[in-house]
Amino acid sequence: MFSSNIISSVLTRLVVSSMKQTHKHRYSTRTRQNYTDANRKPYTLRYAPKDVKEQESKVISTNRKDAKAIAVAKLQAGEVIAIPTDTVYGLTCSANNPEAIHRLYNIKGRHELKPVAICVASIEDVRQWGETDHLNDELLGELFPGAVTLVVRRSSKLNNPALNPGVANIGIRITENKFIQHVCEAFQQPIALTSANKSSSKSTLNVEEFKELWGELGAVFDGGQLGLSEEQRAASTVIDLSEPERYKIIRWGVSVEKIIETVERHNFREAL
C-alpha cells in the first residue's frame, strides 16, 4: 500500500503537469491565431486574376527607355496600340496595313466609312503622304507641330484600300507630343490615328478612362494625365485646306481661333 503522502504528491504533480500542458496549448493556439489574423491577406489581393494581370502588363510608361522600340515593334507587327498625343489619348496602327486598320475600327466600334487621320513626324512626311504643293513651308511650319489636323488630297503613295475607302482627302497630324513624334520618326511610315475611346464616347485624358479597351490592344503607352479641363477633350481642330486659298473648319477643337488667324494671314478665306 502506498502512503497517503506519496499518493497526494503524485496527484499534485499530475494536476500541475496537466495545467501546464493546457496553458501551453492555449498560448500556442492563441499565438498562431493572432499571427494568422495579423498576416492573413484576402486571396484577391495576393493573387490577381490572370486576365487582369495580362491587361496591366500592357501598360508601359512612355518614360521607359525601351518604350519607343516596343511601340515601333507593335506597329510593325500590325497591332493596335494606345498612345498619348498633345491633346487626348489616341488609338493607332500602321496606316498601310489593311488588317491593322480593320482591327482599329473593330476596337473602336467605328463605322469603316468614317475617315481616320494619319500622324507623321515631319513636314516632309506631310508632303509625301498628302498633296500640298499649294501650301508653302512657312504656313505648314506655323501649323505644325500642333493641335491641328490638316485635310488635303491624299497622295498616291497612301494606297491602302482599307484606309478611308472612296475618300480622296486625308487628315494629317504632327503632334507636339515628343513620344509619338519619336515613334513616327522611327517607324518611318504614317500611322492611322483616332481618339482612344469607343465611338461616340468622350475623348480620354488618362489611360484609366479607356481601360475597357486594354484587353484588345497590343500595348498602352502611359504618358500621364494630359489635361484637367473639359476643353482639352475637344481634341485637335480639323481644317480642310485641300483647295487653294480656301479653308473650312470641319471640327472645332483646341486652338481653333489661332489656326484660323494663321491661315487667313496666308490669304486663305473661309469657303462658302
C-alpha atoms as a PDB file:
ATOM      1  CA  MET A   1       0.000   0.000   0.000  1.00  0.00           C
ATOM      2  CA  PHE A   2       1.244   3.500  -0.853  1.00  0.00           C
ATOM      3  CA  SER A   3       1.260   6.006   1.886  1.00  0.00           C
ATOM      4  CA  SER A   4      -1.211   8.898   1.694  1.00  0.00           C
ATOM      5  CA  ASN A   5       1.670  11.389   1.399  1.00  0.00           C
ATOM      6  CA  ILE A   6       3.057   9.628  -1.674  1.00  0.00           C
ATOM      7  CA  ILE A   7      -0.357   9.444  -3.330  1.00  0.00           C
ATOM      8  CA  SER A   8      -1.001  13.120  -2.600  1.00  0.00           C
ATOM      9  CA  SER A   9       2.371  14.120  -4.052  1.00  0.00           C
ATOM     10  CA  VAL A  10       1.784  12.135  -7.256  1.00  0.00           C
ATOM     11  CA  LEU A  11      -1.691  13.612  -7.761  1.00  0.00           C
ATOM     12  CA  THR A  12      -0.341  17.134  -7.255  1.00  0.00           C
ATOM     13  CA  ARG A  13       2.347  16.641  -9.890  1.00  0.00           C
ATOM     14  CA  LEU A  14      -0.215  15.253 -12.354  1.00  0.00           C
ATOM     15  CA  VAL A  15      -2.537  18.211 -11.855  1.00  0.00           C
ATOM     16  CA  VAL A  16       0.276  20.743 -12.272  1.00  0.00           C
ATOM     17  CA  SER A  17       1.553  18.987 -15.396  1.00  0.00           C
ATOM     18  CA  SER A  18      -1.954  18.938 -16.894  1.00  0.00           C
ATOM     19  CA  MET A  19      -2.389  22.659 -16.205  1.00  0.00           C
ATOM     20  CA  LYS A  20       0.952  23.468 -17.865  1.00  0.00           C
ATOM     21  CA  GLN A  21       0.053  21.476 -20.984  1.00  0.00           C
ATOM     22  CA  THR A  22      -3.354  23.172 -21.204  1.00  0.00           C
ATOM     23  CA  HIS A  23      -1.796  26.617 -20.766  1.00  0.00           C
ATOM     24  CA  LYS A  24       0.870  25.814 -23.355  1.00  0.00           C
ATOM     25  CA  HIS A  25      -1.770  24.635 -25.843  1.00  0.00           C
ATOM     26  CA  ARG A  26      -3.904  27.736 -25.297  1.00  0.00           C
ATOM     27  CA  TYR A  27      -0.904  30.058 -25.659  1.00  0.00           C
ATOM     28  CA  SER A  28       0.284  28.286 -28.796  1.00  0.00           C
ATOM     29  CA  THR A  29      -3.190  28.329 -30.367  1.00  0.00           C
ATOM     30  CA  ARG A  30      -3.744  31.977 -29.470  1.00  0.00           C
ATOM     31  CA  THR A  31      -0.313  32.990 -30.772  1.00  0.00           C
ATOM     32  CA  ARG A  32      -0.810  31.159 -34.049  1.00  0.00           C
ATOM     33  CA  GLN A  33      -4.284  32.618 -34.422  1.00  0.00           C
ATOM     34  CA  ASN A  34      -3.067  36.164 -33.718  1.00  0.00           C
ATOM     35  CA  TYR A  35      -0.183  35.758 -36.155  1.00  0.00           C
ATOM     36  CA  THR A  36      -2.510  34.352 -38.797  1.00  0.00           C
ATOM     37  CA  ASP A  37      -5.079  37.109 -38.315  1.00  0.00           C
ATOM     38  CA  ALA A  38      -2.408  39.801 -38.460  1.00  0.00           C
ATOM     39  CA  ASN A  39      -0.766  38.433 -41.572  1.00  0.00           C
ATOM     40  CA  ARG A  40      -3.645  36.908 -43.448  1.00  0.00           C
ATOM     41  CA  LYS A  41      -4.483  38.789 -46.681  1.00  0.00           C
ATOM     42  CA  PRO A  42      -7.557  38.309 -48.818  1.00  0.00           C
ATOM     43  CA  TYR A  43      -6.980  35.917 -51.691  1.00  0.00           C
ATOM     44  CA  THR A  44      -7.906  38.555 -54.233  1.00  0.00           C
ATOM     45  CA  LEU A  45      -5.095  40.817 -53.053  1.00  0.00           C
ATOM     46  CA  ARG A  46      -2.417  38.150 -53.159  1.00  0.00           C
ATOM     47  CA  TYR A  47      -3.420  36.685 -56.491  1.00  0.00           C
ATOM     48  CA  ALA A  48      -4.833  38.959 -59.181  1.00  0.00           C
ATOM     49  CA  PRO A  49      -6.932  37.220 -61.847  1.00  0.00           C
ATOM     50  CA  LYS A  50      -4.866  36.234 -64.852  1.00  0.00           C
ATOM     51  CA  ASP A  51      -6.707  38.460 -67.306  1.00  0.00           C
ATOM     52  CA  VAL A  52      -6.250  41.499 -65.041  1.00  0.00           C
ATOM     53  CA  LYS A  53      -2.528  40.811 -64.773  1.00  0.00           C
ATOM     54  CA  GLU A  54      -2.242  40.413 -68.527  1.00  0.00           C
ATOM     55  CA  GLN A  55      -4.059  43.675 -69.152  1.00  0.00           C
ATOM     56  CA  GLU A  56      -1.995  45.616 -66.628  1.00  0.00           C
ATOM     57  CA  SER A  57       1.222  44.230 -68.113  1.00  0.00           C
ATOM     58  CA  LYS A  58       0.296  46.010 -71.357  1.00  0.00           C
ATOM     59  CA  VAL A  59       0.597  49.433 -69.718  1.00  0.00           C
ATOM     60  CA  ILE A  60       4.045  50.862 -70.428  1.00  0.00           C
ATOM     61  CA  SER A  61       5.292  54.232 -69.242  1.00  0.00           C
ATOM     62  CA  THR A  62       6.492  56.480 -72.045  1.00  0.00           C
ATOM     63  CA  ASN A  63       9.478  57.219 -69.774  1.00  0.00           C
ATOM     64  CA  ARG A  64      10.786  53.667 -70.120  1.00  0.00           C
ATOM     65  CA  LYS A  65      13.968  53.542 -72.168  1.00  0.00           C
ATOM     66  CA  ASP A  66      12.608  50.807 -74.415  1.00  0.00           C
ATOM     67  CA  ALA A  67       9.092  52.274 -74.785  1.00  0.00           C
ATOM     68  CA  LYS A  68       9.707  53.678 -78.269  1.00  0.00           C
ATOM     69  CA  ALA A  69      11.236  50.417 -79.501  1.00  0.00           C
ATOM     70  CA  ILE A  70       8.281  48.429 -78.147  1.00  0.00           C
ATOM     71  CA  ALA A  71       5.794  50.798 -79.814  1.00  0.00           C
ATOM     72  CA  VAL A  72       7.546  50.512 -83.184  1.00  0.00           C
ATOM     73  CA  ALA A  73       7.686  46.715 -82.910  1.00  0.00           C
ATOM     74  CA  LYS A  74       3.954  46.584 -82.149  1.00  0.00           C
ATOM     75  CA  LEU A  75       3.168  48.777 -85.162  1.00  0.00           C
ATOM     76  CA  GLN A  76       5.372  46.671 -87.415  1.00  0.00           C
ATOM     77  CA  ALA A  77       3.543  43.558 -86.200  1.00  0.00           C
ATOM     78  CA  GLY A  78       0.196  45.049 -87.256  1.00  0.00           C
ATOM     79  CA  GLU A  79      -1.082  45.610 -83.728  1.00  0.00           C
ATOM     80  CA  VAL A  80      -3.200  48.480 -82.456  1.00  0.00           C
ATOM     81  CA  ILE A  81      -1.740  50.465 -79.574  1.00  0.00           C
ATOM     82  CA  ALA A  82      -2.823  53.397 -77.415  1.00  0.00           C
ATOM     83  CA  ILE A  83      -0.566  56.417 -77.310  1.00  0.00           C
ATOM     84  CA  PRO A  84      -0.640  59.963 -75.890  1.00  0.00           C
ATOM     85  CA  THR A  85      -0.879  62.979 -78.164  1.00  0.00           C
ATOM     86  CA  ASP A  86      -0.719  66.692 -77.368  1.00  0.00           C
ATOM     87  CA  THR A  87      -4.500  66.757 -76.856  1.00  0.00           C
ATOM     88  CA  VAL A  88      -6.041  63.386 -75.910  1.00  0.00           C
ATOM     89  CA  TYR A  89      -5.072  59.706 -75.939  1.00  0.00           C
ATOM     90  CA  GLY A  90      -5.223  58.032 -79.322  1.00  0.00           C
ATOM     91  CA  LEU A  91      -5.518  54.577 -80.856  1.00  0.00           C
ATOM     92  CA  THR A  92      -3.032  53.977 -83.633  1.00  0.00           C
ATOM     93  CA  CYS A  93      -1.745  51.366 -86.051  1.00  0.00           C
ATOM     94  CA  SER A  94       0.130  51.228 -89.338  1.00  0.00           C
ATOM     95  CA  ALA A  95      -1.807  53.254 -91.918  1.00  0.00           C
ATOM     96  CA  ASN A  96      -0.584  50.986 -94.728  1.00  0.00           C
ATOM     97  CA  ASN A  97      -1.667  47.710 -93.107  1.00  0.00           C
ATOM     98  CA  PRO A  98      -5.246  46.734 -94.131  1.00  0.00           C
ATOM     99  CA  GLU A  99      -5.694  44.139 -91.361  1.00  0.00           C
ATOM    100  CA  ALA A 100      -4.497  46.596 -88.724  1.00  0.00           C
ATOM    101  CA  ILE A 101      -6.947  49.234 -89.985  1.00  0.00           C
ATOM    102  CA  HIS A 102      -9.849  46.771 -89.756  1.00  0.00           C
ATOM    103  CA  ARG A 103      -8.749  45.874 -86.224  1.00  0.00           C
ATOM    104  CA  LEU A 104      -8.612  49.556 -85.283  1.00  0.00           C
ATOM    105  CA  TYR A 105     -12.189  50.114 -86.450  1.00  0.00           C
ATOM    106  CA  ASN A 106     -13.430  46.999 -84.635  1.00  0.00           C
ATOM    107  CA  ILE A 107     -11.833  48.008 -81.339  1.00  0.00           C
ATOM    108  CA  LYS A 108     -13.264  51.492 -81.505  1.00  0.00           C
ATOM    109  CA  GLY A 109     -16.648  50.322 -82.774  1.00  0.00           C
ATOM    110  CA  ARG A 110     -16.388  52.836 -85.586  1.00  0.00           C
ATOM    111  CA  HIS A 111     -18.081  52.599 -88.972  1.00  0.00           C
ATOM    112  CA  GLU A 112     -15.414  51.840 -91.561  1.00  0.00           C
ATOM    113  CA  LEU A 113     -16.701  54.551 -93.888  1.00  0.00           C
ATOM    114  CA  LYS A 114     -15.966  57.197 -91.251  1.00  0.00           C
ATOM    115  CA  PRO A 115     -12.451  58.516 -92.011  1.00  0.00           C
ATOM    116  CA  VAL A 116      -9.479  58.454 -89.656  1.00  0.00           C
ATOM    117  CA  ALA A 117      -6.434  60.710 -89.817  1.00  0.00           C
ATOM    118  CA  ILE A 118      -2.776  59.805 -90.081  1.00  0.00           C
ATOM    119  CA  CYS A 119       0.096  61.038 -87.940  1.00  0.00           C
ATOM    120  CA  VAL A 120       3.626  61.681 -89.200  1.00  0.00           C
ATOM    121  CA  ALA A 121       6.893  63.050 -87.866  1.00  0.00           C
ATOM    122  CA  SER A 122       7.778  65.976 -90.134  1.00  0.00           C
ATOM    123  CA  ILE A 123       6.578  68.458 -92.753  1.00  0.00           C
ATOM    124  CA  GLU A 124       8.481  66.432 -95.355  1.00  0.00           C
ATOM    125  CA  ASP A 125       6.259  63.493 -94.391  1.00  0.00           C
ATOM    126  CA  VAL A 126       3.168  65.673 -94.775  1.00  0.00           C
ATOM    127  CA  ARG A 127       4.216  66.452 -98.323  1.00  0.00           C
ATOM    128  CA  GLN A 128       4.962  62.783 -99.038  1.00  0.00           C
ATOM    129  CA  TRP A 129       1.568  61.460 -97.954  1.00  0.00           C
ATOM    130  CA  GLY A 130      -0.591  64.444 -98.943  1.00  0.00           C
ATOM    131  CA  GLU A 131      -0.781  66.797-101.925  1.00  0.00           C
ATOM    132  CA  THR A 132       0.432  70.105-100.552  1.00  0.00           C
ATOM    133  CA  ASP A 133       2.057  71.989-103.434  1.00  0.00           C
ATOM    134  CA  HIS A 134      -0.328  74.901-102.827  1.00  0.00           C
ATOM    135  CA  LEU A 135       0.797  75.185 -99.176  1.00  0.00           C
ATOM    136  CA  ASN A 136       4.110  76.928 -98.541  1.00  0.00           C
ATOM    137  CA  ASP A 137       6.644  75.854 -95.933  1.00  0.00           C
ATOM    138  CA  GLU A 138       6.013  78.944 -93.830  1.00  0.00           C
ATOM    139  CA  LEU A 139       2.328  78.131 -93.404  1.00  0.00           C
ATOM    140  CA  LEU A 140       2.981  74.471 -92.647  1.00  0.00           C
ATOM    141  CA  GLY A 141       5.689  75.497 -90.205  1.00  0.00           C
ATOM    142  CA  GLU A 142       3.228  77.699 -88.339  1.00  0.00           C
ATOM    143  CA  LEU A 143       0.577  74.989 -88.184  1.00  0.00           C
ATOM    144  CA  PHE A 144       2.865  72.088 -87.247  1.00  0.00           C
ATOM    145  CA  PRO A 145       3.530  70.649 -84.796  1.00  0.00           C
ATOM    146  CA  GLY A 146       0.314  71.475 -83.000  1.00  0.00           C
ATOM    147  CA  ALA A 147      -3.272  70.614 -82.159  1.00  0.00           C
ATOM    148  CA  VAL A 148      -4.401  70.678 -85.773  1.00  0.00           C
ATOM    149  CA  THR A 149      -5.431  68.032 -88.296  1.00  0.00           C
ATOM    150  CA  LEU A 150      -4.761  69.261 -91.822  1.00  0.00           C
ATOM    151  CA  VAL A 151      -7.068  67.862 -94.501  1.00  0.00           C
ATOM    152  CA  VAL A 152      -5.598  67.731 -98.014  1.00  0.00           C
ATOM    153  CA  ARG A 153      -5.780  65.462-101.045  1.00  0.00           C
ATOM    154  CA  ARG A 154      -4.201  62.119-100.274  1.00  0.00           C
ATOM    155  CA  SER A 155      -1.033  61.160-102.098  1.00  0.00           C
ATOM    156  CA  SER A 156      -0.939  58.189-104.453  1.00  0.00           C
ATOM    157  CA  LYS A 157       1.663  56.723-102.065  1.00  0.00           C
ATOM    158  CA  LEU A 158      -1.066  56.345 -99.446  1.00  0.00           C
ATOM    159  CA  ASN A 159      -2.644  53.459-101.310  1.00  0.00           C
ATOM    160  CA  ASN A 160      -4.093  51.239 -98.571  1.00  0.00           C
ATOM    161  CA  PRO A 161      -7.635  50.447 -99.834  1.00  0.00           C
ATOM    162  CA  ALA A 162      -8.834  49.843 -96.274  1.00  0.00           C
ATOM    163  CA  LEU A 163      -7.888  53.359 -95.173  1.00  0.00           C
ATOM    164  CA  ASN A 164     -10.870  55.674 -95.746  1.00  0.00           C
ATOM    165  CA  PRO A 165     -12.127  53.852 -98.865  1.00  0.00           C
ATOM    166  CA  GLY A 166     -13.581  56.125-101.515  1.00  0.00           C
ATOM    167  CA  VAL A 167     -12.348  59.283 -99.784  1.00  0.00           C
ATOM    168  CA  ALA A 168      -9.988  61.474-101.818  1.00  0.00           C
ATOM    169  CA  ASN A 169      -8.791  63.540 -98.843  1.00  0.00           C
ATOM    170  CA  ILE A 170      -6.757  62.634 -95.785  1.00  0.00           C
ATOM    171  CA  GLY A 171      -6.309  64.328 -92.427  1.00  0.00           C
ATOM    172  CA  ILE A 172      -2.668  64.633 -91.344  1.00  0.00           C
ATOM    173  CA  ARG A 173      -1.248  65.441 -87.901  1.00  0.00           C
ATOM    174  CA  ILE A 174       2.136  66.271 -86.426  1.00  0.00           C
ATOM    175  CA  THR A 175       1.623  66.433 -82.685  1.00  0.00           C
ATOM    176  CA  GLU A 176       3.665  68.328 -80.132  1.00  0.00           C
ATOM    177  CA  ASN A 177       3.959  65.205 -78.006  1.00  0.00           C
ATOM    178  CA  LYS A 178       7.587  64.098 -78.232  1.00  0.00           C
ATOM    179  CA  PHE A 179       6.910  60.418 -77.654  1.00  0.00           C
ATOM    180  CA  ILE A 180       4.556  59.982 -80.604  1.00  0.00           C
ATOM    181  CA  GLN A 181       6.868  62.153 -82.723  1.00  0.00           C
ATOM    182  CA  HIS A 182       9.791  59.843 -81.975  1.00  0.00           C
ATOM    183  CA  VAL A 183       7.671  56.750 -82.658  1.00  0.00           C
ATOM    184  CA  CYS A 184       6.579  58.127 -86.043  1.00  0.00           C
ATOM    185  CA  GLU A 185      10.143  59.034 -86.913  1.00  0.00           C
ATOM    186  CA  ALA A 186      11.451  55.559 -86.024  1.00  0.00           C
ATOM    187  CA  PHE A 187       8.548  53.735 -87.723  1.00  0.00           C
ATOM    188  CA  GLN A 188       9.146  55.656 -90.975  1.00  0.00           C
ATOM    189  CA  GLN A 189       5.582  55.101 -92.142  1.00  0.00           C
ATOM    190  CA  PRO A 190       2.350  57.008 -91.492  1.00  0.00           C
ATOM    191  CA  ILE A 191       0.256  55.756 -88.592  1.00  0.00           C
ATOM    192  CA  ALA A 192      -3.540  55.889 -88.509  1.00  0.00           C
ATOM    193  CA  LEU A 193      -4.770  57.890 -85.542  1.00  0.00           C
ATOM    194  CA  THR A 194      -8.140  58.194 -83.832  1.00  0.00           C
ATOM    195  CA  SER A 195      -9.152  59.009 -80.265  1.00  0.00           C
ATOM    196  CA  ALA A 196      -8.828  56.276 -77.618  1.00  0.00           C
ATOM    197  CA  ASN A 197     -12.463  55.679 -76.776  1.00  0.00           C
ATOM    198  CA  LYS A 198     -15.454  53.819 -78.054  1.00  0.00           C
ATOM    199  CA  SER A 199     -17.158  55.588 -80.931  1.00  0.00           C
ATOM    200  CA  SER A 200     -19.475  58.398 -79.739  1.00  0.00           C
ATOM    201  CA  SER A 201     -17.902  58.361 -76.248  1.00  0.00           C
ATOM    202  CA  LYS A 202     -15.922  61.272 -74.847  1.00  0.00           C
ATOM    203  CA  SER A 203     -12.217  61.600 -75.537  1.00  0.00           C
ATOM    204  CA  THR A 204      -9.808  60.437 -72.847  1.00  0.00           C
ATOM    205  CA  LEU A 205      -7.140  62.311 -70.902  1.00  0.00           C
ATOM    206  CA  ASN A 206      -5.609  59.382 -68.991  1.00  0.00           C
ATOM    207  CA  VAL A 207      -5.249  55.663 -69.642  1.00  0.00           C
ATOM    208  CA  GLU A 208      -7.715  54.613 -66.943  1.00  0.00           C
ATOM    209  CA  GLU A 209     -10.525  56.294 -68.865  1.00  0.00           C
ATOM    210  CA  PHE A 210     -10.335  53.709 -71.655  1.00  0.00           C
ATOM    211  CA  LYS A 211      -9.440  50.694 -69.532  1.00  0.00           C
ATOM    212  CA  GLU A 212     -12.223  48.638 -71.123  1.00  0.00           C
ATOM    213  CA  LEU A 213     -10.188  48.672 -74.363  1.00  0.00           C
ATOM    214  CA  TRP A 214      -6.900  47.443 -72.871  1.00  0.00           C
ATOM    215  CA  GLY A 215      -7.616  43.775 -73.493  1.00  0.00           C
ATOM    216  CA  GLU A 216      -7.925  44.371 -77.241  1.00  0.00           C
ATOM    217  CA  LEU A 217      -4.744  46.427 -77.587  1.00  0.00           C
ATOM    218  CA  GLY A 218      -1.174  45.352 -78.185  1.00  0.00           C
ATOM    219  CA  ALA A 219       0.088  47.910 -75.656  1.00  0.00           C
ATOM    220  CA  VAL A 220      -0.991  51.030 -73.769  1.00  0.00           C
ATOM    221  CA  PHE A 221       1.645  53.754 -73.537  1.00  0.00           C
ATOM    222  CA  ASP A 222       1.039  55.847 -70.455  1.00  0.00           C
ATOM    223  CA  GLY A 223       2.132  59.467 -70.744  1.00  0.00           C
ATOM    224  CA  GLY A 224       0.279  60.569 -67.609  1.00  0.00           C
ATOM    225  CA  GLN A 225      -2.618  62.989 -67.315  1.00  0.00           C
ATOM    226  CA  LEU A 226      -2.832  65.070 -70.495  1.00  0.00           C
ATOM    227  CA  GLY A 227      -5.029  67.825 -69.108  1.00  0.00           C
ATOM    228  CA  LEU A 228      -7.552  68.660 -66.430  1.00  0.00           C
ATOM    229  CA  SER A 229     -10.104  70.784 -68.254  1.00  0.00           C
ATOM    230  CA  GLU A 230     -13.033  69.511 -70.256  1.00  0.00           C
ATOM    231  CA  GLU A 231     -11.957  71.860 -73.060  1.00  0.00           C
ATOM    232  CA  GLN A 232      -8.914  69.627 -73.546  1.00  0.00           C
ATOM    233  CA  ARG A 233     -11.227  66.820 -74.656  1.00  0.00           C
ATOM    234  CA  ALA A 234     -12.175  68.839 -77.713  1.00  0.00           C
ATOM    235  CA  ALA A 235      -9.092  67.292 -79.383  1.00  0.00           C
ATOM    236  CA  SER A 236      -7.421  68.782 -82.438  1.00  0.00           C
ATOM    237  CA  THR A 237      -9.022  71.296 -84.771  1.00  0.00           C
ATOM    238  CA  VAL A 238      -9.696  69.731 -88.178  1.00  0.00           C
ATOM    239  CA  ILE A 239      -9.243  72.190 -91.031  1.00  0.00           C
ATOM    240  CA  ASP A 240      -9.695  71.465 -94.730  1.00  0.00           C
ATOM    241  CA  LEU A 241      -7.032  73.150 -96.888  1.00  0.00           C
ATOM    242  CA  SER A 242      -7.419  70.852 -99.867  1.00  0.00           C
ATOM    243  CA  GLU A 243      -8.346  73.744-102.162  1.00  0.00           C
ATOM    244  CA  PRO A 244      -6.000  76.707-102.868  1.00  0.00           C
ATOM    245  CA  GLU A 245      -6.787  79.817-100.817  1.00  0.00           C
ATOM    246  CA  ARG A 246      -9.877  78.279 -99.217  1.00  0.00           C
ATOM    247  CA  TYR A 247     -10.360  76.785 -95.776  1.00  0.00           C
ATOM    248  CA  LYS A 248     -13.178  75.010 -93.988  1.00  0.00           C
ATOM    249  CA  ILE A 249     -13.322  74.091 -90.303  1.00  0.00           C
ATOM    250  CA  ILE A 250     -14.569  70.507 -90.131  1.00  0.00           C
ATOM    251  CA  ARG A 251     -14.187  70.164 -86.366  1.00  0.00           C
ATOM    252  CA  TRP A 252     -13.807  72.993 -83.878  1.00  0.00           C
ATOM    253  CA  GLY A 253     -11.145  71.912 -81.409  1.00  0.00           C
ATOM    254  CA  VAL A 254      -8.151  73.147 -79.449  1.00  0.00           C
ATOM    255  CA  SER A 255      -6.622  76.465 -80.621  1.00  0.00           C
ATOM    256  CA  VAL A 256      -9.181  76.950 -83.392  1.00  0.00           C
ATOM    257  CA  GLU A 257      -9.026  80.770 -83.225  1.00  0.00           C
ATOM    258  CA  LYS A 258      -5.252  80.764 -83.593  1.00  0.00           C
ATOM    259  CA  ILE A 259      -5.441  78.351 -86.530  1.00  0.00           C
ATOM    260  CA  ILE A 260      -7.997  80.497 -88.363  1.00  0.00           C
ATOM    261  CA  GLU A 261      -5.870  83.572 -87.768  1.00  0.00           C
ATOM    262  CA  THR A 262      -2.827  81.765 -89.177  1.00  0.00           C
ATOM    263  CA  VAL A 263      -4.436  80.573 -92.418  1.00  0.00           C
ATOM    264  CA  GLU A 264      -6.150  83.904 -93.042  1.00  0.00           C
ATOM    265  CA  ARG A 265      -2.811  85.650 -92.654  1.00  0.00           C
ATOM    266  CA  HIS A 266      -1.650  83.441 -95.541  1.00  0.00           C
ATOM    267  CA  ASN A 267      -4.531  84.649 -97.727  1.00  0.00           C
ATOM    268  CA  PHE A 268      -6.887  81.729 -97.172  1.00  0.00           C
ATOM    269  CA  ARG A 269     -10.558  82.616 -96.906  1.00  0.00           C
ATOM    270  CA  GLU A 270     -13.407  80.594 -95.482  1.00  0.00           C
ATOM    271  CA  ALA A 271     -15.165  78.501 -98.106  1.00  0.00           C
ATOM    272  CA  LEU A 272     -18.836  79.375 -98.541  1.00  0.00           C
END
